[in-house]
Protein backbone atom coordinates (compact mmCIF):
# COMPACT_ATOMS: atom_id res chain seq x y z
CA ASP A 1 -1.23 6.45 -17.99
CA LEU A 2 -2.37 8.74 -15.57
CA ILE A 3 -4.73 8.50 -13.32
CA TYR A 4 -7.49 9.95 -10.92
CA LEU A 5 -8.03 8.81 -7.36
CA ASN A 6 -10.09 10.47 -5.22
CA ALA A 7 -12.02 9.08 -2.69
CA THR A 8 -14.42 10.60 0.15
CA ASP A 9 -15.19 8.44 3.08
CA THR A 10 -14.59 5.31 1.20
CA ASP A 11 -14.13 1.77 2.34
CA ILE A 12 -10.89 0.44 2.22
CA THR A 13 -11.52 -2.65 0.35
CA GLU A 14 -13.31 0.20 -2.49
CA ILE A 15 -9.68 1.90 -2.64
CA ILE A 16 -8.24 -1.39 -2.81
CA LYS A 17 -10.31 -2.91 -5.43
CA GLN A 18 -9.50 0.31 -7.78
CA ILE A 19 -5.73 0.52 -6.71
CA SER A 20 -5.53 -3.11 -8.20
CA LYS A 21 -7.43 -2.57 -11.27
CA SER A 22 -5.35 -0.13 -11.87
CA THR A 23 -1.67 -1.01 -11.08
CA GLY A 24 -2.43 -4.65 -11.58
CA THR A 25 -1.98 -5.81 -8.42
CA ASN A 26 -3.33 -8.64 -6.54
CA PHE A 27 -4.09 -8.14 -2.83
CA LEU A 28 -5.17 -10.54 -0.05
CA LEU A 29 -7.61 -9.10 2.51
CA ASP A 30 -8.40 -10.44 5.87
CA ASP A 31 -11.87 -10.13 6.96
CA SER A 32 -10.70 -8.04 9.96
CA LEU A 33 -9.43 -4.89 7.17
CA LYS A 34 -12.12 -2.26 7.88
CA GLY A 35 -12.34 1.72 7.65
CA LYS A 36 -12.95 4.21 6.20
CA ILE A 37 -10.07 6.17 3.50
CA THR A 38 -10.33 10.22 2.18
CA ILE A 39 -7.74 10.69 -0.31
CA ILE A 40 -8.24 13.59 -2.48
CA SER A 41 -6.68 14.30 -5.72
CA GLU A 42 -7.39 17.32 -7.96
CA LYS A 43 -4.28 16.37 -10.81
CA PRO A 44 -3.62 13.20 -12.10
CA MET A 45 -1.49 10.86 -10.81
CA THR A 46 1.03 8.17 -12.30
CA LYS A 47 -0.11 4.33 -11.25
CA GLU A 48 3.01 4.68 -8.75
CA MET A 49 2.32 8.22 -7.18
CA ALA A 50 -1.50 6.47 -6.67
CA TYR A 51 0.06 3.38 -4.94
CA GLN A 52 1.76 5.59 -2.31
CA ALA A 53 -1.16 8.01 -1.83
CA PHE A 54 -2.61 4.12 -1.36
CA LEU A 55 0.42 3.09 1.07
CA SER A 56 0.20 6.40 3.10
CA ALA A 57 -3.55 5.97 3.37
CA LEU A 58 -3.11 2.62 4.85
CA GLU A 59 -0.38 3.47 6.77
CA VAL A 60 -2.20 6.53 8.67
CA MET A 61 -5.11 3.74 9.39
CA GLY A 62 -2.29 1.28 10.91
CA TYR A 63 -1.79 -0.91 7.95
CA THR A 64 0.88 -2.20 5.48
CA THR A 65 1.38 -4.73 3.48
CA VAL A 66 3.53 -7.24 2.83
CA THR A 67 4.04 -9.45 -0.49
CA THR A 68 3.54 -13.06 -0.10
CA PRO A 69 6.38 -15.80 -1.52
CA ALA A 70 3.49 -16.20 -4.47
CA GLY A 71 3.39 -12.21 -5.22
CA LEU A 72 0.27 -11.50 -3.64
CA VAL A 73 0.07 -8.40 -1.25
CA LYS A 74 -1.38 -8.41 2.03
CA ILE A 75 -2.46 -5.82 4.06
CA VAL A 76 -1.45 -6.60 7.88
CA PRO A 77 -1.87 -4.31 10.62
CA THR A 78 1.52 -2.12 11.16
CA LYS A 79 2.52 -4.35 14.53
CA ASP A 80 1.91 -7.36 12.91
CA ALA A 81 4.27 -6.35 10.01
CA LEU A 82 7.26 -6.59 11.80
CA SER A 83 6.42 -10.81 12.52
CA LYS A 84 6.07 -10.87 8.86
CA PRO A 85 8.87 -11.19 5.91
CA LEU A 86 9.88 -7.94 4.55
CA ASP A 87 11.18 -7.27 1.49
CA ILE A 88 14.63 -6.41 1.85
CA PHE A 89 16.69 -3.33 -0.03
CA LYS A 90 20.48 -2.16 -0.44
CA GLU A 91 21.04 1.58 -0.36
CA ASP A 92 20.37 2.88 -3.86
CA MET A 93 16.22 1.93 -2.81
CA HIS A 94 12.87 4.24 -3.04
CA LEU A 95 11.26 5.99 -0.73
CA THR A 96 7.86 4.14 0.41
CA ASP A 97 5.37 4.56 3.04
CA ARG A 98 5.47 0.92 3.59
CA TYR A 99 7.48 -1.17 6.59
CA ILE A 100 10.44 -2.92 4.95
CA THR A 101 14.03 -4.11 5.93
CA ARG A 102 16.73 -1.75 4.50
CA ILE A 103 21.05 -3.12 4.71
CA VAL A 104 23.30 -0.13 4.99
CA SER A 105 26.69 -0.55 4.72
CA VAL A 106 29.07 1.23 6.79
């Protein structure tokens, strides 16, 4: 399943709706979440690639994602993410633009 993710100066909530529909991810949004996103993709992407592009766009805007215990994905300002519970990964983690806790054995 490949998708196109093209958005020029599109409201962030519209992009979130597209990502939610294409990936099956449920998001929790705050009323303060505002901004416009531009993502240009001439080639189709896998759902995982599209989600990572979305995370990168959020990072540029000063936001990141935090997964709730119920499995919802909250979009929060990056500065607030450090006070929230973050996903924990060991050394075999994949690359991502969201904030995580990584455990490295020495």
